[in-house]
Protein backbone atom coordinates (compact mmCIF):
# COMPACT_ATOMS: atom_id res chain seq x y z
CA PHE A 1 -13.90 21.53 -18.09
CA TYR A 2 -12.39 18.97 -15.99
CA ASN A 3 -12.12 15.78 -18.09
CA GLY A 4 -11.28 12.78 -15.60
CA GLY A 5 -12.16 10.19 -13.15
CA GLY A 6 -13.15 10.47 -9.31
CA ASP A 7 -10.54 12.76 -8.15
CA SER A 8 -10.54 15.11 -10.92
CA ALA A 9 -14.89 15.44 -10.18
CA ASP A 10 -13.61 15.86 -6.53
CA THR A 11 -10.84 18.42 -7.58
CA CYS A 12 -13.55 19.88 -10.16
CA PHE A 13 -16.26 20.41 -7.51
CA LYS A 14 -13.66 22.04 -5.08
CA VAL A 15 -12.80 24.81 -7.90
CA SER A 16 -16.75 25.62 -8.27
CA GLN A 17 -17.25 26.14 -4.66
CA ILE A 18 -13.83 28.29 -3.83
CA SER A 19 -15.02 30.29 -7.48
CA GLU A 20 -18.36 30.73 -5.73
CA THR A 21 -17.10 31.78 -2.19
CA MET A 22 -14.68 34.46 -3.95
CA GLY A 23 -17.39 35.61 -6.40
CA PHE A 24 -15.46 34.74 -9.61
CA PRO A 25 -16.93 33.77 -12.70
CA VAL A 26 -15.95 30.27 -12.96
CA ARG A 27 -18.17 27.86 -14.58
CA ALA A 28 -16.66 24.50 -13.38
CA ILE A 29 -17.87 21.22 -15.27
CA HIS A 30 -16.58 17.90 -14.98
CA VAL A 31 -16.24 15.90 -17.94
CA PRO A 32 -16.92 11.73 -16.55
CA LYS A 33 -13.91 9.57 -17.84
CA THR A 34 -11.81 6.68 -16.50
CA VAL A 35 -11.11 3.46 -17.51
CA ASP A 36 -11.72 2.19 -13.95
CA ASN A 37 -15.81 2.64 -14.78
CA ASP A 38 -16.12 3.03 -11.17
CA LEU A 39 -17.02 7.05 -10.89
CA PRO A 40 -21.20 6.59 -8.93
CA ILE A 41 -24.58 8.21 -10.56
CA THR A 42 -23.06 7.57 -14.36
CA ASP A 43 -24.05 3.92 -15.49
CA CYS A 44 -20.48 3.73 -17.18
CA CYS A 45 -17.59 5.77 -17.75
CA PRO A 46 -16.51 6.89 -21.34
CA GLY A 47 -12.98 5.13 -21.85
CA PHE A 48 -14.07 1.89 -20.14
CA GLY A 49 -15.57 0.24 -23.45
CA SER A 50 -12.06 1.17 -25.55
CA ALA A 51 -10.18 -0.61 -22.92
CA ALA A 52 -12.14 -3.48 -22.45
CA LYS A 53 -12.54 -4.00 -25.63
CA TYR A 54 -8.22 -3.88 -26.16
CA LEU A 55 -7.65 -6.35 -23.18
CA ALA A 56 -10.27 -8.57 -23.99
CA THR A 57 -8.81 -8.84 -27.55
CA SER A 58 -5.01 -8.87 -25.69
CA MET A 59 -6.09 -12.19 -23.53
CA LEU A 60 -8.07 -13.55 -26.71
CA GLU A 61 -4.75 -13.22 -28.81
CA ALA A 62 -2.13 -14.13 -26.06
CA GLY A 63 -4.42 -17.32 -25.00
CA LYS A 64 -4.16 -18.75 -28.63
CA ASP A 65 -0.66 -18.58 -28.21
CA ILE A 66 -0.18 -19.75 -25.20
CA ALA A 67 -1.95 -22.66 -26.05
CA SER A 68 -0.06 -23.52 -29.60
CA MET A 69 3.29 -24.41 -27.35
CA VAL A 70 1.71 -26.47 -24.62
CA GLY A 71 4.66 -28.51 -23.68
CA PRO A 72 5.15 -31.54 -20.72
CA VAL A 73 5.66 -28.85 -17.77
CA GLY A 74 2.45 -26.56 -18.01
CA SER A 75 2.72 -22.98 -18.96
CA VAL A 76 0.86 -20.10 -16.99
CA PHE A 77 -0.02 -16.88 -18.59
CA VAL A 78 -0.59 -13.60 -16.49
CA MET A 79 -1.76 -10.18 -17.67
CA GLU A 80 -1.96 -7.28 -14.96
CA VAL A 81 -5.18 -4.40 -15.69
CA MET A 82 -5.73 -1.58 -14.22
CA GLY A 83 -8.08 -1.84 -11.78
CA ARG A 84 -7.29 -0.41 -7.85
CA ASN A 85 -10.87 -1.21 -6.30
CA THR A 86 -13.26 -2.45 -8.97
CA GLY A 87 -12.41 -5.58 -11.39
CA TRP A 88 -14.55 -4.04 -14.55
CA LEU A 89 -11.41 -4.50 -16.65
CA ALA A 90 -10.30 -7.28 -15.45
CA ALA A 91 -13.95 -9.08 -15.78
CA SER A 92 -13.75 -7.81 -19.42
CA THR A 93 -10.99 -9.63 -20.07
CA ALA A 94 -13.89 -12.85 -19.71
CA LEU A 95 -15.48 -11.61 -23.12
CA SER A 96 -12.99 -13.41 -25.09
CA ALA A 97 -14.45 -16.76 -23.90
CA ASN A 98 -17.57 -16.05 -25.54
CA GLY A 99 -19.10 -18.44 -22.72
CA ASP A 100 -16.54 -21.37 -23.17
CA PRO A 101 -15.36 -22.71 -19.77
CA ASP A 102 -11.76 -23.41 -21.35
CA ALA A 103 -11.24 -20.54 -23.29
CA PRO A 104 -8.66 -18.06 -22.37
CA PRO A 105 -9.04 -16.30 -19.13
CA HIS A 106 -9.30 -19.46 -17.33
CA ILE A 107 -9.01 -17.37 -14.09
CA VAL A 108 -9.86 -13.77 -13.05
CA LEU A 109 -8.71 -12.07 -9.94
CA VAL A 110 -10.68 -8.84 -8.77
CA PRO A 111 -10.17 -6.30 -5.83
CA GLU A 112 -13.92 -6.84 -4.49
CA ALA A 113 -12.96 -10.71 -3.99
CA GLY A 114 -9.93 -11.27 -1.16
CA PHE A 115 -6.69 -13.58 -3.09
CA ASP A 116 -7.02 -17.13 -1.21
CA GLU A 117 -3.55 -18.34 -2.35
CA GLU A 118 -4.23 -21.86 -1.24
CA ALA A 119 -7.73 -21.91 -3.17
CA PHE A 120 -6.17 -20.24 -6.25
CA LEU A 121 -3.24 -22.34 -6.77
CA ALA A 122 -5.47 -25.49 -6.40
CA ARG A 123 -7.76 -24.17 -9.28
CA VAL A 124 -4.37 -23.55 -11.50
CA ALA A 125 -3.05 -26.40 -11.19
CA GLU A 126 -6.36 -28.12 -11.72
CA ILE A 127 -6.78 -26.11 -15.03
CA THR A 128 -3.18 -26.82 -16.35
CA ALA A 129 -3.51 -30.46 -15.64
CA ARG A 130 -6.62 -30.60 -17.74
CA LEU A 131 -5.14 -28.08 -20.60
CA GLY A 132 -1.50 -27.62 -20.29
CA TYR A 133 -1.66 -24.19 -19.71
CA CYS A 134 -3.26 -22.22 -17.72
CA THR A 135 -4.14 -17.87 -18.43
CA ILE A 136 -4.98 -15.49 -15.39
CA THR A 137 -6.45 -11.98 -15.73
CA VAL A 138 -5.23 -9.94 -12.44
CA ALA A 139 -6.20 -6.38 -11.29
CA GLU A 140 -3.58 -4.69 -9.87
CA GLY A 141 -5.82 -4.01 -6.65
CA ILE A 142 -6.43 -7.65 -5.75
CA ARG A 143 -5.61 -7.78 -1.81
CA ASN A 144 -5.00 -10.69 0.51
CA ALA A 145 -7.29 -11.97 3.24
CA ALA A 146 -5.99 -9.60 5.75
CA GLY A 147 -6.99 -7.23 3.19
CA GLU A 148 -3.37 -6.15 2.39
CA LEU A 149 -2.36 -4.97 -0.89
CA LEU A 150 -0.79 -8.02 -2.96
CA MET A 151 1.95 -5.52 -4.37
CA GLU A 152 2.57 -1.55 -4.63
CA LYS A 153 4.98 0.46 -6.23
CA SER A 154 5.28 3.52 -4.71
CA ARG A 155 3.62 6.19 -1.71
CA ASP A 156 3.92 9.34 -2.46
CA ALA A 157 3.60 12.70 0.58
CA ARG A 158 0.25 12.62 0.64
CA GLY A 159 0.03 8.73 0.97
CA TYR A 160 -1.50 7.76 -2.77
CA VAL A 161 -0.21 4.88 -3.63
CA GLN A 162 1.05 3.71 -6.87
CA LEU A 163 0.02 0.11 -7.47
CA GLY A 164 2.12 -2.50 -10.10
CA GLY A 165 3.86 -5.95 -9.47
CA ALA A 166 0.23 -7.83 -8.62
CA GLY A 167 0.77 -9.52 -11.92
CA SER A 168 4.15 -10.66 -11.31
CA ALA A 169 3.52 -11.79 -7.62
CA VAL A 170 0.88 -13.69 -8.74
CA ALA A 171 3.04 -15.45 -11.46
CA ARG A 172 6.00 -15.97 -9.59
CA LEU A 173 3.60 -17.58 -6.78
CA ILE A 174 2.48 -20.05 -9.49
CA HIS A 175 6.26 -21.09 -10.44
CA GLN A 176 7.64 -21.48 -6.60
CA ARG A 177 5.02 -23.19 -5.53
CA LEU A 178 3.86 -25.13 -9.08
CA GLY A 179 6.79 -25.07 -11.06
CA PHE A 180 4.89 -24.16 -13.89
CA LYS A 181 6.84 -22.32 -17.01
CA HIS A 182 5.16 -18.86 -16.48
CA HIS A 183 5.13 -15.33 -18.75
CA TRP A 184 3.45 -12.40 -17.43
CA ALA A 185 2.61 -8.54 -18.69
CA ILE A 186 1.35 -5.54 -17.53
CA PRO A 187 -0.75 -3.68 -20.72
CA ASP A 188 0.32 -0.59 -18.42
CA TYR A 189 -1.03 2.62 -20.50
CA LEU A 190 -1.38 0.64 -23.36
CA GLN A 191 -4.99 -0.30 -22.65
CA ARG A 192 -6.26 2.81 -22.04
CA SER A 193 -4.22 4.25 -25.13
CA ALA A 194 -5.03 1.81 -27.89
CA SER A 195 -7.13 4.14 -30.23
CA HIS A 196 -7.02 0.98 -33.24
CA TRP A 197 -9.29 -0.64 -31.00
CA LEU A 198 -11.70 2.64 -30.61
CA SER A 199 -14.99 1.81 -29.06
CA ALA A 200 -17.82 3.16 -31.54
CA THR A 201 -20.16 3.13 -28.58
CA ASP A 202 -17.22 4.27 -26.21
CA GLN A 203 -16.79 7.14 -29.01
CA ALA A 204 -20.25 8.26 -29.21
CA GLN A 205 -20.82 8.28 -25.21
CA ALA A 206 -17.48 10.44 -24.72
CA LEU A 207 -18.68 13.26 -27.73
CA ALA A 208 -22.15 13.18 -25.58
CA VAL A 209 -20.89 13.87 -22.13
CA GLY A 210 -18.51 16.60 -23.70
CA ARG A 211 -21.64 18.35 -25.73
CA GLU A 212 -23.72 18.29 -22.41
CA ALA A 213 -21.11 19.81 -20.20
CA VAL A 214 -20.74 22.76 -22.95
CA ARG A 215 -24.66 22.98 -22.37
CA PHE A 216 -24.39 23.11 -18.71
CA ALA A 217 -21.61 25.77 -18.84
CA LEU A 218 -23.50 28.16 -21.08
CA GLU A 219 -26.76 27.70 -19.02
CA GLY A 220 -24.35 28.68 -16.00
CA ARG A 221 -24.20 25.59 -14.04
CA SER A 222 -21.37 24.86 -12.49
CA GLY A 223 -20.17 22.01 -9.67
CA GLU A 224 -21.88 19.76 -12.12
CA PHE A 225 -21.01 16.41 -14.35
CA PRO A 226 -23.08 15.03 -17.13
CA ALA A 227 -23.93 11.46 -16.29
CA ILE A 228 -24.83 8.23 -18.92
CA ARG A 229 -28.11 7.21 -17.81
CA ARG A 230 -29.40 3.11 -19.61
CA LEU A 231 -32.77 3.12 -21.25
CA ALA A 232 -33.11 -0.90 -21.85
């Protein structure tokens, strides 16, 4: 049973193929789980709901904190969240706004949309002039108009890029160009391990796909994974 995201699913499938070729009696079943929520076929991925709940709550609390200390200079808070290719986690922080356009986060940057530096700075300036502060969620995988990653940590021998630093880059850009006070945070592993904000639905889905994975194996199936299907 291989629990994980896209790379884990691919590895699990390869194990099932190799075992079949070798005639080795292994049942390789992938169990979907990724906070990025980017696996195909399944409606959603266990792990995402709890991480989304944690990040939405964190943005709400940080937003209230910075709003309580608005000064004459203007303040900006940037939170960098996981999301290499998809903006599900970044977008989930908007749940804390509950439809209020002046509630945090005021801006959400996702990998699916190119980062337009000038348009972004103009928006930050407008919001800060009106409210005295601005809160921003940045997905780690945001790219500029040329399709280049805004920041990256390192690249291993296989070419895999470890992301990180997009939030700090955005915060520094704002300070350098607009002069606002700036703070930034990276929840990093906290966003996917904060069990005190466990989503009940997320937990139920995780247990359900785990049970189905065991059933698949007992039935002699291999190279598959149980998916979640939305009925309504």
